[in-house]
Amino acid sequence: MEIKVAGYKDYERIAHLHAQSWKTYYQGILGAEYLANEVIDDRLVIWQTRLINPPFNQHVLIAEEKGELCGFICAFGNHDFEKGTIVDALHINANDRGRGTGKALIIEMAKWIEQHFPSNGVYLEAMADNKQATGFYEHLGGQNSLERLWDAPCGHQITELVYTWPSPAKLLEGLNVKLTV
């Protein structure tokens, strides 16, 4: 498996994986009409916009194997004054789950955060009803520091949980990895 920085040419593959992940894991959380008819167009716009002229603090990594997209992660450095860098998206192809793809992407992203935003915490937002994700982030030592409503693109308000780590190194402790940049 190869991990590399995403480029504009990757936006369609990322958008399709993102949409498929939402269709698979967010059934009953996001609106059925949105998932059936709108999610792919929505994600294509998001990823084309993000990758055409990325802001300085955005970092998107993809994991590939034999030219196939296995997963991706996106973060925005120093996104929040108090919480630090947000891991905005982490999605793994269903066929690649359990193979260490997510772990590898998190490790590489933590290295980037440490290099560019070393005095930052790390946080992410997860839908409260996505038990697989919230369980994973709790396993990684994330502290559920906030519960709030998110105005989802389907038009619903969804309860989300904000998980925080005081540093990229603390995030990696949950993976039993020591940060070396």
C-alpha atoms as a PDB file:
ATOM      1  CA  MET A   1       0.000   0.000   0.000  1.00  0.00           C
ATOM      2  CA  GLU A   2       1.224   3.451  -0.925  1.00  0.00           C
ATOM      3  CA  ILE A   3       0.215   6.646   0.878  1.00  0.00           C
ATOM      4  CA  LYS A   4       0.552   9.911  -0.981  1.00  0.00           C
ATOM      5  CA  VAL A   5      -0.755  13.462  -1.060  1.00  0.00           C
ATOM      6  CA  ALA A   6      -3.984  13.770  -3.047  1.00  0.00           C
ATOM      7  CA  GLY A   7      -4.052  15.967  -6.105  1.00  0.00           C
ATOM      8  CA  TYR A   8      -6.816  17.493  -8.168  1.00  0.00           C
ATOM      9  CA  LYS A   9      -6.887  14.409 -10.398  1.00  0.00           C
ATOM     10  CA  ASP A  10      -8.014  12.356  -7.366  1.00  0.00           C
ATOM     11  CA  TYR A  11     -11.160  14.319  -6.552  1.00  0.00           C
ATOM     12  CA  GLU A  12     -13.614  12.020  -8.350  1.00  0.00           C
ATOM     13  CA  ARG A  13     -12.228   8.855  -6.749  1.00  0.00           C
ATOM     14  CA  ILE A  14     -12.281  10.462  -3.312  1.00  0.00           C
ATOM     15  CA  ALA A  15     -15.826  11.764  -3.819  1.00  0.00           C
ATOM     16  CA  HIS A  16     -17.082   8.343  -4.925  1.00  0.00           C
ATOM     17  CA  LEU A  17     -15.465   6.594  -1.958  1.00  0.00           C
ATOM     18  CA  HIS A  18     -16.820   9.264   0.411  1.00  0.00           C
ATOM     19  CA  ALA A  19     -20.350   8.901  -1.022  1.00  0.00           C
ATOM     20  CA  GLN A  20     -20.211   5.101  -0.912  1.00  0.00           C
ATOM     21  CA  SER A  21     -19.013   5.190   2.688  1.00  0.00           C
ATOM     22  CA  TRP A  22     -21.910   7.460   3.667  1.00  0.00           C
ATOM     23  CA  LYS A  23     -24.388   5.248   1.792  1.00  0.00           C
ATOM     24  CA  THR A  24     -23.061   2.185   3.610  1.00  0.00           C
ATOM     25  CA  TYR A  25     -22.497   3.456   7.134  1.00  0.00           C
ATOM     26  CA  TYR A  26     -24.950   6.348   7.484  1.00  0.00           C
ATOM     27  CA  GLN A  27     -28.185   4.527   6.580  1.00  0.00           C
ATOM     28  CA  GLY A  28     -30.792   5.608   9.099  1.00  0.00           C
ATOM     29  CA  ILE A  29     -28.595   8.557  10.158  1.00  0.00           C
ATOM     30  CA  LEU A  30     -28.657  10.759   7.057  1.00  0.00           C
ATOM     31  CA  GLY A  31     -31.831  11.168   5.016  1.00  0.00           C
ATOM     32  CA  ALA A  32     -32.672   8.276   2.670  1.00  0.00           C
ATOM     33  CA  GLU A  33     -33.524  10.618  -0.229  1.00  0.00           C
ATOM     34  CA  TYR A  34     -30.177  12.396   0.131  1.00  0.00           C
ATOM     35  CA  LEU A  35     -28.228   9.122   0.249  1.00  0.00           C
ATOM     36  CA  ALA A  36     -30.093   7.683  -2.740  1.00  0.00           C
ATOM     37  CA  ASN A  37     -30.078  10.708  -5.021  1.00  0.00           C
ATOM     38  CA  GLU A  38     -27.854  13.576  -3.883  1.00  0.00           C
ATOM     39  CA  VAL A  39     -24.814  12.375  -1.977  1.00  0.00           C
ATOM     40  CA  ILE A  40     -22.563  11.718  -4.980  1.00  0.00           C
ATOM     41  CA  ASP A  41     -23.185  15.128  -6.574  1.00  0.00           C
ATOM     42  CA  ASP A  42     -22.700  16.799  -3.184  1.00  0.00           C
ATOM     43  CA  ARG A  43     -19.406  15.009  -2.533  1.00  0.00           C
ATOM     44  CA  LEU A  44     -18.139  15.702  -6.089  1.00  0.00           C
ATOM     45  CA  VAL A  45     -18.634  19.444  -5.539  1.00  0.00           C
ATOM     46  CA  ILE A  46     -16.976  19.292  -2.111  1.00  0.00           C
ATOM     47  CA  TRP A  47     -13.888  17.402  -3.284  1.00  0.00           C
ATOM     48  CA  GLN A  48     -13.445  19.280  -6.542  1.00  0.00           C
ATOM     49  CA  THR A  49     -13.586  22.529  -4.579  1.00  0.00           C
ATOM     50  CA  ARG A  50     -11.172  21.289  -1.935  1.00  0.00           C
ATOM     51  CA  LEU A  51      -8.593  19.999  -4.394  1.00  0.00           C
ATOM     52  CA  ILE A  52      -8.696  22.627  -7.156  1.00  0.00           C
ATOM     53  CA  ASN A  53      -7.059  25.322  -5.020  1.00  0.00           C
ATOM     54  CA  PRO A  54      -6.468  23.946  -1.529  1.00  0.00           C
ATOM     55  CA  PRO A  55      -5.946  26.304   1.410  1.00  0.00           C
ATOM     56  CA  PHE A  56      -2.501  26.270   3.006  1.00  0.00           C
ATOM     57  CA  ASN A  57      -3.745  24.396   6.070  1.00  0.00           C
ATOM     58  CA  GLN A  58      -5.520  21.583   4.205  1.00  0.00           C
ATOM     59  CA  HIS A  59      -3.825  18.201   3.832  1.00  0.00           C
ATOM     60  CA  VAL A  60      -5.419  15.256   2.039  1.00  0.00           C
ATOM     61  CA  LEU A  61      -3.760  11.851   1.880  1.00  0.00           C
ATOM     62  CA  ILE A  62      -4.845   8.823  -0.112  1.00  0.00           C
ATOM     63  CA  ALA A  63      -3.933   5.173   0.303  1.00  0.00           C
ATOM     64  CA  GLU A  64      -3.639   3.162  -2.898  1.00  0.00           C
ATOM     65  CA  GLU A  65      -2.838  -0.383  -3.798  1.00  0.00           C
ATOM     66  CA  LYS A  66      -2.302  -1.398  -7.423  1.00  0.00           C
ATOM     67  CA  GLY A  67      -3.888   1.868  -8.543  1.00  0.00           C
ATOM     68  CA  GLU A  68      -7.064   1.323  -6.505  1.00  0.00           C
ATOM     69  CA  LEU A  69      -8.132   3.844  -3.861  1.00  0.00           C
ATOM     70  CA  CYS A  70      -8.199   2.100  -0.465  1.00  0.00           C
ATOM     71  CA  GLY A  71      -8.945   5.145   1.689  1.00  0.00           C
ATOM     72  CA  PHE A  72      -8.349   8.813   2.358  1.00  0.00           C
ATOM     73  CA  ILE A  73      -7.961  11.274   5.207  1.00  0.00           C
ATOM     74  CA  CYS A  74      -8.365  15.063   5.205  1.00  0.00           C
ATOM     75  CA  ALA A  75      -7.286  17.535   7.882  1.00  0.00           C
ATOM     76  CA  PHE A  76      -7.249  21.295   8.310  1.00  0.00           C
ATOM     77  CA  GLY A  77      -4.372  22.484  10.480  1.00  0.00           C
ATOM     78  CA  ASN A  78      -5.075  24.921  13.301  1.00  0.00           C
ATOM     79  CA  HIS A  79      -8.753  24.948  12.323  1.00  0.00           C
ATOM     80  CA  ASP A  80     -10.019  25.856  15.798  1.00  0.00           C
ATOM     81  CA  PHE A  81      -8.216  28.167  18.224  1.00  0.00           C
ATOM     82  CA  GLU A  82      -8.985  25.960  21.245  1.00  0.00           C
ATOM     83  CA  LYS A  83      -9.151  22.438  19.791  1.00  0.00           C
ATOM     84  CA  GLY A  84      -6.482  22.739  17.089  1.00  0.00           C
ATOM     85  CA  THR A  85      -6.347  20.689  13.899  1.00  0.00           C
ATOM     86  CA  ILE A  86      -9.498  18.979  12.664  1.00  0.00           C
ATOM     87  CA  VAL A  87      -9.445  15.584  11.013  1.00  0.00           C
ATOM     88  CA  ASP A  88     -12.356  16.390   8.746  1.00  0.00           C
ATOM     89  CA  ALA A  89     -12.709  13.049   6.967  1.00  0.00           C
ATOM     90  CA  LEU A  90     -11.394   9.507   7.236  1.00  0.00           C
ATOM     91  CA  HIS A  91     -12.989   6.913   4.985  1.00  0.00           C
ATOM     92  CA  ILE A  92     -11.803   3.437   4.053  1.00  0.00           C
ATOM     93  CA  ASN A  93     -13.067   1.309   1.181  1.00  0.00           C
ATOM     94  CA  ALA A  94     -15.226  -1.505   2.603  1.00  0.00           C
ATOM     95  CA  ASN A  95     -12.924  -4.125   1.028  1.00  0.00           C
ATOM     96  CA  ASP A  96      -9.890  -2.611   2.742  1.00  0.00           C
ATOM     97  CA  ARG A  97     -11.232  -2.360   6.289  1.00  0.00           C
ATOM     98  CA  GLY A  98      -9.284  -4.305   8.870  1.00  0.00           C
ATOM     99  CA  ARG A  99      -6.073  -4.191   6.835  1.00  0.00           C
ATOM    100  CA  GLY A 100      -4.438  -1.265   8.654  1.00  0.00           C
ATOM    101  CA  THR A 101      -5.332   1.352   6.035  1.00  0.00           C
ATOM    102  CA  GLY A 102      -6.951   3.720   8.539  1.00  0.00           C
ATOM    103  CA  LYS A 103      -4.060   3.305  10.953  1.00  0.00           C
ATOM    104  CA  ALA A 104      -1.518   4.089   8.235  1.00  0.00           C
ATOM    105  CA  LEU A 105      -3.422   7.201   7.156  1.00  0.00           C
ATOM    106  CA  ILE A 106      -3.767   8.452  10.743  1.00  0.00           C
ATOM    107  CA  ILE A 107      -0.040   7.936  11.364  1.00  0.00           C
ATOM    108  CA  GLU A 108       0.948   9.930   8.284  1.00  0.00           C
ATOM    109  CA  MET A 109      -1.532  12.685   9.077  1.00  0.00           C
ATOM    110  CA  ALA A 110      -0.273  12.916  12.663  1.00  0.00           C
ATOM    111  CA  LYS A 111       3.271  13.376  11.312  1.00  0.00           C
ATOM    112  CA  TRP A 112       2.050  16.230   9.113  1.00  0.00           C
ATOM    113  CA  ILE A 113       0.218  17.861  12.028  1.00  0.00           C
ATOM    114  CA  GLU A 114       3.284  17.548  14.249  1.00  0.00           C
ATOM    115  CA  GLN A 115       5.516  19.045  11.564  1.00  0.00           C
ATOM    116  CA  HIS A 116       3.307  22.008  10.632  1.00  0.00           C
ATOM    117  CA  PHE A 117       1.189  22.649  13.744  1.00  0.00           C
ATOM    118  CA  PRO A 118       3.312  21.217  16.587  1.00  0.00           C
ATOM    119  CA  SER A 119       1.627  22.989  19.486  1.00  0.00           C
ATOM    120  CA  ASN A 120      -1.856  21.994  18.323  1.00  0.00           C
ATOM    121  CA  GLY A 121      -4.382  19.590  19.646  1.00  0.00           C
ATOM    122  CA  VAL A 122      -6.299  17.315  17.292  1.00  0.00           C
ATOM    123  CA  TYR A 123     -10.036  16.849  17.068  1.00  0.00           C
ATOM    124  CA  LEU A 124     -12.736  15.348  14.915  1.00  0.00           C
ATOM    125  CA  GLU A 125     -16.495  15.225  14.749  1.00  0.00           C
ATOM    126  CA  ALA A 126     -18.456  11.979  14.508  1.00  0.00           C
ATOM    127  CA  MET A 127     -22.163  11.328  14.261  1.00  0.00           C
ATOM    128  CA  ALA A 128     -23.330  10.008  17.617  1.00  0.00           C
ATOM    129  CA  ASP A 129     -25.303   7.187  15.977  1.00  0.00           C
ATOM    130  CA  ASN A 130     -22.239   5.982  14.053  1.00  0.00           C
ATOM    131  CA  LYS A 131     -21.244   3.549  16.797  1.00  0.00           C
ATOM    132  CA  GLN A 132     -18.442   1.972  14.761  1.00  0.00           C
ATOM    133  CA  ALA A 133     -16.703   5.336  14.390  1.00  0.00           C
ATOM    134  CA  THR A 134     -17.314   6.568  17.934  1.00  0.00           C
ATOM    135  CA  GLY A 135     -16.061   3.254  19.329  1.00  0.00           C
ATOM    136  CA  PHE A 136     -12.906   3.529  17.214  1.00  0.00           C
ATOM    137  CA  TYR A 137     -12.182   7.090  18.355  1.00  0.00           C
ATOM    138  CA  GLU A 138     -12.755   6.159  21.990  1.00  0.00           C
ATOM    139  CA  HIS A 139     -10.378   3.210  21.511  1.00  0.00           C
ATOM    140  CA  LEU A 140      -7.800   5.733  20.251  1.00  0.00           C
ATOM    141  CA  GLY A 141      -8.138   7.668  23.510  1.00  0.00           C
ATOM    142  CA  GLY A 142     -10.261  10.503  22.149  1.00  0.00           C
ATOM    143  CA  GLN A 143     -12.105  12.456  24.798  1.00  0.00           C
ATOM    144  CA  ASN A 144     -15.731  13.163  23.971  1.00  0.00           C
ATOM    145  CA  SER A 145     -15.559  16.859  24.816  1.00  0.00           C
ATOM    146  CA  LEU A 146     -18.767  18.142  23.248  1.00  0.00           C
ATOM    147  CA  GLU A 147     -22.152  17.032  21.948  1.00  0.00           C
ATOM    148  CA  ARG A 148     -23.928  19.314  19.506  1.00  0.00           C
ATOM    149  CA  LEU A 149     -26.296  19.380  16.548  1.00  0.00           C
ATOM    150  CA  TRP A 150     -24.912  19.365  13.006  1.00  0.00           C
ATOM    151  CA  ASP A 151     -26.895  20.754  10.081  1.00  0.00           C
ATOM    152  CA  ALA A 152     -26.325  17.824   7.727  1.00  0.00           C
ATOM    153  CA  PRO A 153     -26.428  18.313   3.952  1.00  0.00           C
ATOM    154  CA  CYS A 154     -29.622  16.213   3.825  1.00  0.00           C
ATOM    155  CA  GLY A 155     -31.428  18.952   5.770  1.00  0.00           C
ATOM    156  CA  HIS A 156     -31.612  17.053   9.070  1.00  0.00           C
ATOM    157  CA  GLN A 157     -30.045  18.054  12.342  1.00  0.00           C
ATOM    158  CA  ILE A 158     -27.812  15.198  13.489  1.00  0.00           C
ATOM    159  CA  THR A 159     -26.258  14.786  16.924  1.00  0.00           C
ATOM    160  CA  GLU A 160     -22.495  14.785  16.604  1.00  0.00           C
ATOM    161  CA  LEU A 161     -19.790  14.176  19.144  1.00  0.00           C
ATOM    162  CA  VAL A 162     -16.485  16.038  19.184  1.00  0.00           C
ATOM    163  CA  TYR A 163     -13.473  13.924  20.133  1.00  0.00           C
ATOM    164  CA  THR A 164     -10.253  15.659  21.159  1.00  0.00           C
ATOM    165  CA  TRP A 165      -6.618  14.746  21.766  1.00  0.00           C
ATOM    166  CA  PRO A 166      -4.146  17.239  23.272  1.00  0.00           C
ATOM    167  CA  SER A 167      -1.524  16.466  20.592  1.00  0.00           C
ATOM    168  CA  PRO A 168      -0.849  14.277  17.544  1.00  0.00           C
ATOM    169  CA  ALA A 169       1.364  12.103  19.746  1.00  0.00           C
ATOM    170  CA  LYS A 170      -1.575  11.420  22.096  1.00  0.00           C
ATOM    171  CA  LEU A 171      -3.713  10.439  19.115  1.00  0.00           C
ATOM    172  CA  LEU A 172      -1.078   7.896  18.083  1.00  0.00           C
ATOM    173  CA  GLU A 173      -0.791   6.431  21.581  1.00  0.00           C
ATOM    174  CA  GLY A 174      -4.158   4.764  20.926  1.00  0.00           C
ATOM    175  CA  LEU A 175      -2.572   2.994  17.956  1.00  0.00           C
ATOM    176  CA  ASN A 176       0.481   2.024  20.037  1.00  0.00           C
ATOM    177  CA  VAL A 177       2.649   4.176  17.790  1.00  0.00           C
ATOM    178  CA  LYS A 178       5.288   6.633  18.902  1.00  0.00           C
ATOM    179  CA  LEU A 179       5.455   9.830  16.866  1.00  0.00           C
ATOM    180  CA  THR A 180       8.724  10.311  15.006  1.00  0.00           C
ATOM    181  CA  VAL A 181       8.849  13.085  12.452  1.00  0.00           C
END
